[in-house]
Amino acid sequence: MLADIYLSVRRQTFVWVDPGKFHHEDFSAHTNGETVFVCEHADGSLAGFLSLWPEDDFIHMLYIRSESRAAAPARRCSRRCRNGRSISTG
């Protein structure tokens, strides 16, 4: 599911790149070695994710589904990251 969000948001956002250059398997390759925090709505539905490169405490990616952006899940995701609550690892 996270790979679906990654692919969809990249295709919507990076309009200058041919959408055919983005692939579902890019998510695994691009988050390899990173800690991935899942952003959820209060009802448990998936809103997006944040990936952190732990060696440098660097937020590498923050991807939120377009239909979820009004609910401010990015703020909750970054809060979860600061509190050290990792949901899954890449």
N, C-alpha and C. Protein backbone atom coordinates (compact mmCIF):
# COMPACT_ATOMS: atom_id res chain seq x y z
N MET A 1 0.81 -1.19 0.00
CA MET A 1 0.00 0.00 0.00
C MET A 1 0.86 1.27 0.00
N LEU A 2 1.96 1.28 0.75
CA LEU A 2 2.83 2.46 0.76
C LEU A 2 3.45 2.68 -0.62
N ALA A 3 3.78 1.60 -1.29
CA ALA A 3 4.33 1.71 -2.65
C ALA A 3 3.30 2.31 -3.59
N ASP A 4 2.02 2.01 -3.37
CA ASP A 4 0.95 2.59 -4.19
C ASP A 4 0.89 4.10 -4.01
N ILE A 5 0.99 4.54 -2.75
CA ILE A 5 0.98 5.98 -2.46
C ILE A 5 2.20 6.64 -3.09
N TYR A 6 3.35 6.03 -2.93
CA TYR A 6 4.59 6.59 -3.48
C TYR A 6 4.47 6.77 -4.99
N LEU A 7 4.00 5.75 -5.66
CA LEU A 7 3.87 5.80 -7.12
C LEU A 7 2.85 6.85 -7.54
N SER A 8 1.70 6.86 -6.92
CA SER A 8 0.63 7.79 -7.28
C SER A 8 1.03 9.24 -7.07
N VAL A 9 1.59 9.55 -5.90
CA VAL A 9 1.96 10.93 -5.59
C VAL A 9 3.10 11.40 -6.48
N ARG A 10 4.06 10.53 -6.76
CA ARG A 10 5.16 10.93 -7.66
C ARG A 10 4.62 11.27 -9.04
N ARG A 11 3.71 10.45 -9.54
CA ARG A 11 3.14 10.71 -10.87
C ARG A 11 2.33 11.99 -10.90
N GLN A 12 1.66 12.33 -9.80
CA GLN A 12 0.86 13.56 -9.73
C GLN A 12 1.74 14.80 -9.55
N THR A 13 2.83 14.65 -8.82
CA THR A 13 3.63 15.80 -8.41
C THR A 13 4.76 16.14 -9.38
N PHE A 14 5.48 15.14 -9.84
CA PHE A 14 6.63 15.37 -10.72
C PHE A 14 6.15 15.39 -12.17
N VAL A 15 5.42 16.44 -12.52
CA VAL A 15 4.77 16.52 -13.82
C VAL A 15 5.76 16.67 -14.98
N TRP A 16 6.98 17.06 -14.71
CA TRP A 16 7.98 17.24 -15.75
C TRP A 16 8.67 15.91 -16.12
N VAL A 17 8.37 14.84 -15.38
CA VAL A 17 8.96 13.53 -15.65
C VAL A 17 7.89 12.64 -16.27
N ASP A 18 8.29 11.90 -17.29
CA ASP A 18 7.38 10.94 -17.92
C ASP A 18 6.88 9.96 -16.86
N PRO A 19 5.56 9.87 -16.62
CA PRO A 19 5.03 8.98 -15.58
C PRO A 19 5.45 7.53 -15.75
N GLY A 20 5.77 7.12 -16.95
CA GLY A 20 6.22 5.75 -17.20
C GLY A 20 7.58 5.45 -16.60
N LYS A 21 8.30 6.48 -16.17
CA LYS A 21 9.62 6.26 -15.55
C LYS A 21 9.52 5.90 -14.08
N PHE A 22 8.33 6.04 -13.51
CA PHE A 22 8.10 5.68 -12.11
C PHE A 22 7.53 4.27 -12.04
N HIS A 23 8.03 3.48 -11.11
CA HIS A 23 7.62 2.08 -11.00
C HIS A 23 7.28 1.73 -9.56
N HIS A 24 6.42 0.77 -9.42
CA HIS A 24 5.95 0.32 -8.11
C HIS A 24 7.13 -0.12 -7.23
N GLU A 25 8.10 -0.78 -7.80
CA GLU A 25 9.23 -1.30 -7.02
C GLU A 25 10.21 -0.20 -6.59
N ASP A 26 10.03 1.03 -7.08
CA ASP A 26 10.90 2.14 -6.66
C ASP A 26 10.84 2.36 -5.15
N PHE A 27 9.67 2.14 -4.57
CA PHE A 27 9.50 2.38 -3.13
C PHE A 27 10.51 1.57 -2.32
N SER A 28 10.61 0.29 -2.59
CA SER A 28 11.55 -0.57 -1.84
C SER A 28 12.99 -0.12 -2.03
N ALA A 29 13.34 0.22 -3.24
CA ALA A 29 14.71 0.65 -3.52
C ALA A 29 15.03 1.99 -2.86
N HIS A 30 14.08 2.91 -2.89
CA HIS A 30 14.33 4.27 -2.40
C HIS A 30 14.21 4.40 -0.88
N THR A 31 13.62 3.42 -0.22
CA THR A 31 13.52 3.46 1.24
C THR A 31 14.42 2.43 1.91
N ASN A 32 15.25 1.77 1.14
CA ASN A 32 16.15 0.75 1.67
C ASN A 32 17.04 1.35 2.76
N GLY A 33 17.01 0.77 3.94
CA GLY A 33 17.84 1.25 5.05
C GLY A 33 17.21 2.39 5.83
N GLU A 34 16.04 2.84 5.44
CA GLU A 34 15.38 3.94 6.12
C GLU A 34 14.33 3.42 7.09
N THR A 35 13.96 4.24 8.03
CA THR A 35 12.86 3.94 8.93
C THR A 35 11.62 4.62 8.35
N VAL A 36 10.55 3.86 8.21
CA VAL A 36 9.33 4.39 7.61
C VAL A 36 8.26 4.51 8.69
N PHE A 37 7.68 5.71 8.78
CA PHE A 37 6.60 5.98 9.71
C PHE A 37 5.31 6.09 8.91
N VAL A 38 4.31 5.36 9.32
CA VAL A 38 3.03 5.36 8.63
C VAL A 38 2.13 6.44 9.22
N CYS A 39 1.49 7.21 8.37
CA CYS A 39 0.56 8.25 8.79
C CYS A 39 -0.85 7.72 8.59
N GLU A 40 -1.61 7.69 9.67
CA GLU A 40 -2.98 7.17 9.60
C GLU A 40 -3.98 8.23 10.06
N HIS A 41 -5.20 8.09 9.55
CA HIS A 41 -6.31 8.89 10.05
C HIS A 41 -6.79 8.27 11.36
N ALA A 42 -7.64 8.98 12.08
CA ALA A 42 -8.16 8.48 13.35
C ALA A 42 -8.89 7.15 13.18
N ASP A 43 -9.48 6.92 12.02
CA ASP A 43 -10.20 5.66 11.79
C ASP A 43 -9.29 4.52 11.36
N GLY A 44 -7.98 4.79 11.31
CA GLY A 44 -7.01 3.75 10.95
C GLY A 44 -6.70 3.65 9.47
N SER A 45 -7.39 4.41 8.64
CA SER A 45 -7.11 4.37 7.21
C SER A 45 -5.78 5.07 6.92
N LEU A 46 -5.11 4.61 5.90
CA LEU A 46 -3.77 5.08 5.56
C LEU A 46 -3.82 6.44 4.87
N ALA A 47 -3.04 7.38 5.38
CA ALA A 47 -2.97 8.72 4.80
C ALA A 47 -1.68 8.93 4.02
N GLY A 48 -0.60 8.30 4.46
CA GLY A 48 0.69 8.48 3.80
C GLY A 48 1.81 7.92 4.64
N PHE A 49 3.02 8.41 4.39
CA PHE A 49 4.18 7.93 5.13
C PHE A 49 5.29 8.96 5.13
N LEU A 50 6.19 8.80 6.07
CA LEU A 50 7.40 9.60 6.18
C LEU A 50 8.55 8.62 6.27
N SER A 51 9.61 8.84 5.50
CA SER A 51 10.79 7.97 5.62
C SER A 51 11.96 8.79 6.15
N LEU A 52 12.67 8.20 7.06
CA LEU A 52 13.76 8.86 7.77
C LEU A 52 15.05 8.08 7.54
N TRP A 53 16.10 8.80 7.17
CA TRP A 53 17.43 8.20 7.09
C TRP A 53 18.02 8.34 8.49
N PRO A 54 18.04 7.24 9.27
CA PRO A 54 18.35 7.34 10.70
C PRO A 54 19.76 7.80 11.03
N GLU A 55 20.72 7.51 10.18
CA GLU A 55 22.11 7.89 10.49
C GLU A 55 22.29 9.40 10.61
N ASP A 56 21.49 10.16 9.88
CA ASP A 56 21.61 11.61 9.90
C ASP A 56 20.36 12.30 10.42
N ASP A 57 19.37 11.53 10.90
CA ASP A 57 18.07 12.09 11.31
C ASP A 57 17.52 12.98 10.20
N PHE A 58 17.58 12.48 8.99
CA PHE A 58 17.18 13.23 7.80
C PHE A 58 15.86 12.69 7.26
N ILE A 59 14.86 13.55 7.15
CA ILE A 59 13.60 13.15 6.54
C ILE A 59 13.83 13.12 5.03
N HIS A 60 13.82 11.94 4.49
CA HIS A 60 14.07 11.75 3.06
C HIS A 60 12.81 11.96 2.25
N MET A 61 11.70 11.41 2.73
CA MET A 61 10.45 11.51 1.98
C MET A 61 9.27 11.73 2.92
N LEU A 62 8.31 12.50 2.43
CA LEU A 62 7.03 12.67 3.10
C LEU A 62 5.98 12.66 2.00
N TYR A 63 5.23 11.59 1.94
CA TYR A 63 4.22 11.42 0.90
C TYR A 63 2.85 11.23 1.53
N ILE A 64 1.92 12.09 1.17
CA ILE A 64 0.56 12.06 1.69
C ILE A 64 -0.39 11.95 0.50
N ARG A 65 -1.34 11.02 0.61
CA ARG A 65 -2.35 10.86 -0.45
C ARG A 65 -3.07 12.18 -0.66
N SER A 66 -3.33 12.54 -1.90
CA SER A 66 -3.95 13.83 -2.19
C SER A 66 -5.28 14.01 -1.49
N GLU A 67 -6.07 12.96 -1.37
CA GLU A 67 -7.37 13.07 -0.71
C GLU A 67 -7.26 13.20 0.81
N SER A 68 -6.06 13.05 1.35
CA SER A 68 -5.84 13.13 2.80
C SER A 68 -5.19 14.43 3.24
N ARG A 69 -4.78 15.26 2.33
CA ARG A 69 -3.98 16.43 2.68
C ARG A 69 -4.71 17.44 3.54
N ALA A 70 -6.00 17.57 3.40
CA ALA A 70 -6.75 18.55 4.20
C ALA A 70 -6.80 18.17 5.67
N ALA A 71 -6.57 16.91 5.99
CA ALA A 71 -6.66 16.43 7.38
C ALA A 71 -5.36 16.62 8.15
N ALA A 72 -4.33 17.20 7.57
CA ALA A 72 -3.04 17.48 8.20
C ALA A 72 -2.32 16.25 8.75
N PRO A 73 -2.29 15.12 8.02
CA PRO A 73 -1.58 13.95 8.53
C PRO A 73 -0.07 14.13 8.57
N ALA A 74 0.46 15.04 7.78
CA ALA A 74 1.91 15.26 7.79
C ALA A 74 2.38 15.73 9.15
N ARG A 75 1.60 16.56 9.80
CA ARG A 75 1.95 17.05 11.13
C ARG A 75 1.99 15.89 12.12
N ARG A 76 0.99 15.03 12.06
CA ARG A 76 0.96 13.86 12.96
C ARG A 76 2.12 12.92 12.66
N CYS A 77 2.44 12.78 11.40
CA CYS A 77 3.54 11.89 11.02
C CYS A 77 4.87 12.41 11.56
N SER A 78 5.10 13.70 11.44
CA SER A 78 6.36 14.26 11.94
C SER A 78 6.41 14.20 13.47
N ARG A 79 5.27 14.36 14.13
CA ARG A 79 5.21 14.25 15.58
C ARG A 79 5.57 12.82 16.01
N ARG A 80 5.02 11.85 15.31
CA ARG A 80 5.31 10.45 15.59
C ARG A 80 6.81 10.17 15.41
N CYS A 81 7.39 10.78 14.40
CA CYS A 81 8.82 10.61 14.13
C CYS A 81 9.64 11.18 15.29
N ARG A 82 9.28 12.36 15.75
CA ARG A 82 10.01 12.98 16.87
C ARG A 82 9.89 12.15 18.14
N ASN A 83 8.74 11.50 18.31
CA ASN A 83 8.52 10.69 19.51
C ASN A 83 9.10 9.29 19.38
N GLY A 84 9.69 8.99 18.23
CA GLY A 84 10.36 7.71 18.05
C GLY A 84 9.46 6.52 17.87
N ARG A 85 8.22 6.74 17.44
CA ARG A 85 7.30 5.63 17.26
C ARG A 85 7.27 5.21 15.80
N SER A 86 8.12 4.29 15.46
CA SER A 86 8.19 3.75 14.12
C SER A 86 7.13 2.68 13.95
N ILE A 87 6.42 2.75 12.85
CA ILE A 87 5.38 1.78 12.59
C ILE A 87 5.93 0.61 11.78
N SER A 88 6.77 0.89 10.82
CA SER A 88 7.39 -0.17 10.03
C SER A 88 8.76 0.30 9.59
N THR A 89 9.59 -0.62 9.18
CA THR A 89 10.93 -0.24 8.73
C THR A 89 11.13 -0.68 7.30
N GLY A 90 11.90 0.15 6.56
CA GLY A 90 12.19 -0.15 5.16
C GLY A 90 13.54 -0.77 5.02
